[in-house]
Amino acid sequence: MRRALTLIGWAAVVGLAAGVFLDVATFLVARYGPQADSWSFRGNGALAVPFGLGPAILAGAWAALVLRYRGFARWKELGLAAALVGVLFLLVSVLVLALFNSAAMGVSSDLTFLILGWMVLAPVLAAFVRAPAPQPQPSELPAHVGAAAILGVVLILTFFLAGLVLAPGS
């Protein structure tokens, strides 16, 4: 029981940190972000941060939890790699927009669906990767599922609450 509560507690802490990070990054991009002739990440364009980095963070965290449950020794590194794949999709979306301006607006927007799809696909793939010899204990499953849910909920709530606290009236 103590291990489960520790896991859920760490998930909440990670969700808090990620939510504050997303809010601060969104604020900075909205205020100082890049812009060109027909596109801008300032103002509403900064929504690329929570809709791009948010799913990337969740993909990595959820994949890491699946891998941890399944007994992978390097679950943190593999979870980070999964998050970086989501970040790579976001960077490709931004690069396409920067290189081809408004002509690529549709392609750049469509890449958002790839990022969202990766958020779902990464933990599913982690469930099917060949596991090391020790098999997971079914009794640990509720803690891992709870940690994944808590992390997601805390991340989203913290993002919105940090926006109210850090930039009131904006």
C-alpha atoms as a PDB file:
ATOM      1  CA  MET A   1       0.000   0.000   0.000  1.00  0.00           C
ATOM      2  CA  ARG A   2       2.861   2.368   0.825  1.00  0.00           C
ATOM      3  CA  ARG A   3       4.462   1.813  -2.596  1.00  0.00           C
ATOM      4  CA  ALA A   4       1.156   2.610  -4.293  1.00  0.00           C
ATOM      5  CA  LEU A   5       0.718   5.856  -2.355  1.00  0.00           C
ATOM      6  CA  THR A   6       4.307   6.848  -3.086  1.00  0.00           C
ATOM      7  CA  LEU A   7       3.782   6.223  -6.798  1.00  0.00           C
ATOM      8  CA  ILE A   8       0.557   8.236  -6.836  1.00  0.00           C
ATOM      9  CA  GLY A   9       2.219  11.015  -4.820  1.00  0.00           C
ATOM     10  CA  TRP A  10       5.085  11.238  -7.312  1.00  0.00           C
ATOM     11  CA  ALA A  11       2.586  11.296 -10.165  1.00  0.00           C
ATOM     12  CA  ALA A  12       0.844  14.258  -8.536  1.00  0.00           C
ATOM     13  CA  VAL A  13       4.165  16.076  -8.069  1.00  0.00           C
ATOM     14  CA  VAL A  14       5.118  15.476 -11.709  1.00  0.00           C
ATOM     15  CA  GLY A  15       1.656  16.664 -12.787  1.00  0.00           C
ATOM     16  CA  LEU A  16       2.048  19.845 -10.720  1.00  0.00           C
ATOM     17  CA  ALA A  17       5.498  20.588 -12.128  1.00  0.00           C
ATOM     18  CA  ALA A  18       4.400  19.858 -15.701  1.00  0.00           C
ATOM     19  CA  GLY A  19       1.257  22.004 -15.360  1.00  0.00           C
ATOM     20  CA  VAL A  20       3.213  25.003 -14.064  1.00  0.00           C
ATOM     21  CA  PHE A  21       5.865  24.489 -16.771  1.00  0.00           C
ATOM     22  CA  LEU A  22       3.195  24.405 -19.488  1.00  0.00           C
ATOM     23  CA  ASP A  23       1.545  27.550 -18.171  1.00  0.00           C
ATOM     24  CA  VAL A  24       4.795  29.506 -17.923  1.00  0.00           C
ATOM     25  CA  ALA A  25       5.932  28.312 -21.360  1.00  0.00           C
ATOM     26  CA  THR A  26       2.559  29.233 -22.860  1.00  0.00           C
ATOM     27  CA  PHE A  27       2.716  32.691 -21.292  1.00  0.00           C
ATOM     28  CA  LEU A  28       6.250  33.284 -22.596  1.00  0.00           C
ATOM     29  CA  VAL A  29       5.403  32.121 -26.105  1.00  0.00           C
ATOM     30  CA  ALA A  30       2.213  34.216 -26.127  1.00  0.00           C
ATOM     31  CA  ARG A  31       4.174  37.290 -25.106  1.00  0.00           C
ATOM     32  CA  TYR A  32       7.504  36.840 -26.902  1.00  0.00           C
ATOM     33  CA  GLY A  33       6.989  33.976 -29.356  1.00  0.00           C
ATOM     34  CA  PRO A  34       8.115  33.937 -32.943  1.00  0.00           C
ATOM     35  CA  GLN A  35       6.056  35.339 -35.778  1.00  0.00           C
ATOM     36  CA  ALA A  36       6.364  35.867 -39.506  1.00  0.00           C
ATOM     37  CA  ASP A  37       4.320  37.350 -42.341  1.00  0.00           C
ATOM     38  CA  SER A  38       1.193  35.229 -42.095  1.00  0.00           C
ATOM     39  CA  TRP A  39       1.559  33.322 -38.823  1.00  0.00           C
ATOM     40  CA  SER A  40       2.405  34.002 -35.202  1.00  0.00           C
ATOM     41  CA  PHE A  41       2.834  32.065 -32.001  1.00  0.00           C
ATOM     42  CA  ARG A  42       1.993  35.172 -30.019  1.00  0.00           C
ATOM     43  CA  GLY A  43      -1.476  35.453 -28.549  1.00  0.00           C
ATOM     44  CA  ASN A  44      -3.660  32.474 -29.462  1.00  0.00           C
ATOM     45  CA  GLY A  45      -0.786  30.915 -31.432  1.00  0.00           C
ATOM     46  CA  ALA A  46       0.744  30.049 -28.068  1.00  0.00           C
ATOM     47  CA  LEU A  47      -1.903  27.345 -27.713  1.00  0.00           C
ATOM     48  CA  ALA A  48       0.591  25.206 -29.626  1.00  0.00           C
ATOM     49  CA  VAL A  49       2.418  24.847 -26.313  1.00  0.00           C
ATOM     50  CA  PRO A  50      -0.294  23.142 -24.241  1.00  0.00           C
ATOM     51  CA  PHE A  51      -1.754  21.277 -27.229  1.00  0.00           C
ATOM     52  CA  GLY A  52       1.715  20.130 -28.344  1.00  0.00           C
ATOM     53  CA  LEU A  53       3.863  19.795 -25.240  1.00  0.00           C
ATOM     54  CA  GLY A  54       1.002  18.698 -22.979  1.00  0.00           C
ATOM     55  CA  PRO A  55       0.260  15.526 -24.966  1.00  0.00           C
ATOM     56  CA  ALA A  56       3.999  14.885 -25.378  1.00  0.00           C
ATOM     57  CA  ILE A  57       4.465  15.019 -21.607  1.00  0.00           C
ATOM     58  CA  LEU A  58       1.492  12.734 -21.051  1.00  0.00           C
ATOM     59  CA  ALA A  59       2.721  10.281 -23.709  1.00  0.00           C
ATOM     60  CA  GLY A  60       6.072  10.018 -21.979  1.00  0.00           C
ATOM     61  CA  ALA A  61       4.671   9.796 -18.466  1.00  0.00           C
ATOM     62  CA  TRP A  62       2.036   7.227 -19.336  1.00  0.00           C
ATOM     63  CA  ALA A  63       4.493   5.125 -21.347  1.00  0.00           C
ATOM     64  CA  ALA A  64       6.917   5.284 -18.405  1.00  0.00           C
ATOM     65  CA  LEU A  65       4.221   4.073 -16.013  1.00  0.00           C
ATOM     66  CA  VAL A  66       3.346   1.166 -18.305  1.00  0.00           C
ATOM     67  CA  LEU A  67       7.009   0.216 -18.612  1.00  0.00           C
ATOM     68  CA  ARG A  68       7.541   0.509 -14.858  1.00  0.00           C
ATOM     69  CA  TYR A  69       4.574  -1.736 -14.212  1.00  0.00           C
ATOM     70  CA  ARG A  70       5.940  -4.286 -16.665  1.00  0.00           C
ATOM     71  CA  GLY A  71       9.330  -4.405 -14.922  1.00  0.00           C
ATOM     72  CA  PHE A  72      11.608  -2.416 -17.230  1.00  0.00           C
ATOM     73  CA  ALA A  73      14.737  -1.208 -15.452  1.00  0.00           C
ATOM     74  CA  ARG A  74      15.098   1.796 -17.782  1.00  0.00           C
ATOM     75  CA  TRP A  75      11.454   2.907 -17.663  1.00  0.00           C
ATOM     76  CA  LYS A  76      12.375   6.540 -16.936  1.00  0.00           C
ATOM     77  CA  GLU A  77      14.705   6.807 -19.930  1.00  0.00           C
ATOM     78  CA  LEU A  78      12.213   5.105 -22.236  1.00  0.00           C
ATOM     79  CA  GLY A  79       9.412   7.365 -20.981  1.00  0.00           C
ATOM     80  CA  LEU A  80      11.573  10.395 -21.647  1.00  0.00           C
ATOM     81  CA  ALA A  81      12.249   9.068 -25.155  1.00  0.00           C
ATOM     82  CA  ALA A  82       8.503   8.724 -25.734  1.00  0.00           C
ATOM     83  CA  ALA A  83       7.990  12.328 -24.585  1.00  0.00           C
ATOM     84  CA  LEU A  84      10.761  13.496 -26.913  1.00  0.00           C
ATOM     85  CA  VAL A  85       9.043  11.811 -29.865  1.00  0.00           C
ATOM     86  CA  GLY A  86       5.981  13.960 -29.120  1.00  0.00           C
ATOM     87  CA  VAL A  87       8.194  17.046 -28.866  1.00  0.00           C
ATOM     88  CA  LEU A  88       9.752  16.098 -32.206  1.00  0.00           C
ATOM     89  CA  PHE A  89       6.287  16.006 -33.809  1.00  0.00           C
ATOM     90  CA  LEU A  90       5.618  19.487 -32.393  1.00  0.00           C
ATOM     91  CA  LEU A  91       8.942  20.808 -33.693  1.00  0.00           C
ATOM     92  CA  VAL A  92       8.218  19.382 -37.159  1.00  0.00           C
ATOM     93  CA  SER A  93       4.846  21.147 -37.083  1.00  0.00           C
ATOM     94  CA  VAL A  94       6.502  24.447 -36.170  1.00  0.00           C
ATOM     95  CA  LEU A  95       9.287  23.958 -38.720  1.00  0.00           C
ATOM     96  CA  VAL A  96       6.805  23.261 -41.530  1.00  0.00           C
ATOM     97  CA  LEU A  97       4.978  26.472 -40.642  1.00  0.00           C
ATOM     98  CA  ALA A  98       8.180  28.501 -40.401  1.00  0.00           C
ATOM     99  CA  LEU A  99       9.530  27.236 -43.721  1.00  0.00           C
ATOM    100  CA  PHE A 100       6.387  27.393 -45.835  1.00  0.00           C
ATOM    101  CA  ASN A 101       4.379  30.156 -44.094  1.00  0.00           C
ATOM    102  CA  SER A 102       0.612  30.150 -44.527  1.00  0.00           C
ATOM    103  CA  ALA A 103       0.781  27.630 -47.397  1.00  0.00           C
ATOM    104  CA  ALA A 104       1.582  24.971 -44.801  1.00  0.00           C
ATOM    105  CA  MET A 105      -0.916  26.084 -42.165  1.00  0.00           C
ATOM    106  CA  GLY A 106      -3.165  23.077 -42.833  1.00  0.00           C
ATOM    107  CA  VAL A 107      -0.285  20.590 -42.689  1.00  0.00           C
ATOM    108  CA  SER A 108       1.003  22.160 -39.495  1.00  0.00           C
ATOM    109  CA  SER A 109      -2.473  21.957 -37.947  1.00  0.00           C
ATOM    110  CA  ASP A 110      -2.901  18.353 -39.081  1.00  0.00           C
ATOM    111  CA  LEU A 111       0.316  17.427 -37.278  1.00  0.00           C
ATOM    112  CA  THR A 112      -1.513  18.278 -34.056  1.00  0.00           C
ATOM    113  CA  PHE A 113      -3.548  15.116 -34.578  1.00  0.00           C
ATOM    114  CA  LEU A 114      -0.292  13.173 -34.862  1.00  0.00           C
ATOM    115  CA  ILE A 115       0.808  14.576 -31.513  1.00  0.00           C
ATOM    116  CA  LEU A 116      -2.527  13.664 -29.931  1.00  0.00           C
ATOM    117  CA  GLY A 117      -2.388  10.218 -31.505  1.00  0.00           C
ATOM    118  CA  TRP A 118       1.094   9.698 -30.089  1.00  0.00           C
ATOM    119  CA  MET A 119      -0.253  10.475 -26.620  1.00  0.00           C
ATOM    120  CA  VAL A 120      -2.482   7.404 -26.962  1.00  0.00           C
ATOM    121  CA  LEU A 121      -0.130   5.225 -29.002  1.00  0.00           C
ATOM    122  CA  ALA A 122       3.000   5.558 -26.834  1.00  0.00           C
ATOM    123  CA  PRO A 123       1.566   3.802 -23.755  1.00  0.00           C
ATOM    124  CA  VAL A 124      -0.103   1.184 -25.970  1.00  0.00           C
ATOM    125  CA  LEU A 125       3.224   0.430 -27.637  1.00  0.00           C
ATOM    126  CA  ALA A 126       4.858   0.273 -24.202  1.00  0.00           C
ATOM    127  CA  ALA A 127       2.346  -2.418 -23.278  1.00  0.00           C
ATOM    128  CA  PHE A 128       3.428  -4.586 -26.204  1.00  0.00           C
ATOM    129  CA  VAL A 129       7.215  -4.214 -26.054  1.00  0.00           C
ATOM    130  CA  ARG A 130       8.820  -7.484 -25.041  1.00  0.00           C
ATOM    131  CA  ALA A 131       9.147  -7.374 -21.272  1.00  0.00           C
ATOM    132  CA  PRO A 132      12.110  -8.538 -19.177  1.00  0.00           C
ATOM    133  CA  ALA A 133      11.815 -11.772 -17.202  1.00  0.00           C
ATOM    134  CA  PRO A 134      10.033 -10.509 -14.040  1.00  0.00           C
ATOM    135  CA  GLN A 135       6.332 -10.223 -14.746  1.00  0.00           C
ATOM    136  CA  PRO A 136       4.164  -7.509 -13.210  1.00  0.00           C
ATOM    137  CA  GLN A 137       2.083  -8.158 -10.154  1.00  0.00           C
ATOM    138  CA  PRO A 138      -1.646  -7.737 -10.821  1.00  0.00           C
ATOM    139  CA  SER A 139      -1.989  -6.110  -7.396  1.00  0.00           C
ATOM    140  CA  GLU A 140       0.170  -3.194  -8.621  1.00  0.00           C
ATOM    141  CA  LEU A 141      -2.056  -2.413 -11.605  1.00  0.00           C
ATOM    142  CA  PRO A 142      -4.552  -0.156  -9.768  1.00  0.00           C
ATOM    143  CA  ALA A 143      -1.714   1.997  -8.412  1.00  0.00           C
ATOM    144  CA  HIS A 144      -0.230   2.494 -11.872  1.00  0.00           C
ATOM    145  CA  VAL A 145      -3.586   3.260 -13.474  1.00  0.00           C
ATOM    146  CA  GLY A 146      -4.385   5.636 -10.611  1.00  0.00           C
ATOM    147  CA  ALA A 147      -1.003   7.330 -10.968  1.00  0.00           C
ATOM    148  CA  ALA A 148      -1.609   7.820 -14.700  1.00  0.00           C
ATOM    149  CA  ALA A 149      -5.045   9.320 -14.051  1.00  0.00           C
ATOM    150  CA  ILE A 150      -3.831  11.542 -11.196  1.00  0.00           C
ATOM    151  CA  LEU A 151      -0.920  12.803 -13.283  1.00  0.00           C
ATOM    152  CA  GLY A 152      -3.192  13.760 -16.167  1.00  0.00           C
ATOM    153  CA  VAL A 153      -5.821  15.434 -14.007  1.00  0.00           C
ATOM    154  CA  VAL A 154      -3.293  17.299 -11.860  1.00  0.00           C
ATOM    155  CA  LEU A 155      -1.384  18.483 -14.946  1.00  0.00           C
ATOM    156  CA  ILE A 156      -4.537  19.898 -16.556  1.00  0.00           C
ATOM    157  CA  LEU A 157      -5.882  21.481 -13.356  1.00  0.00           C
ATOM    158  CA  THR A 158      -2.497  22.983 -12.489  1.00  0.00           C
ATOM    159  CA  PHE A 159      -2.163  24.421 -15.986  1.00  0.00           C
ATOM    160  CA  PHE A 160      -5.484  26.214 -15.679  1.00  0.00           C
ATOM    161  CA  LEU A 161      -5.026  27.281 -12.046  1.00  0.00           C
ATOM    162  CA  ALA A 162      -1.484  28.532 -12.676  1.00  0.00           C
ATOM    163  CA  GLY A 163      -2.897  30.657 -15.478  1.00  0.00           C
ATOM    164  CA  LEU A 164      -5.310  32.267 -13.048  1.00  0.00           C
ATOM    165  CA  VAL A 165      -2.628  32.841 -10.408  1.00  0.00           C
ATOM    166  CA  LEU A 166       0.324  33.829 -12.610  1.00  0.00           C
ATOM    167  CA  ALA A 167      -1.569  35.998 -15.100  1.00  0.00           C
ATOM    168  CA  PRO A 168      -4.781  37.235 -13.469  1.00  0.00           C
ATOM    169  CA  GLY A 169      -6.958  39.350 -15.696  1.00  0.00           C
ATOM    170  CA  SER A 170      -5.204  38.258 -18.887  1.00  0.00           C
END
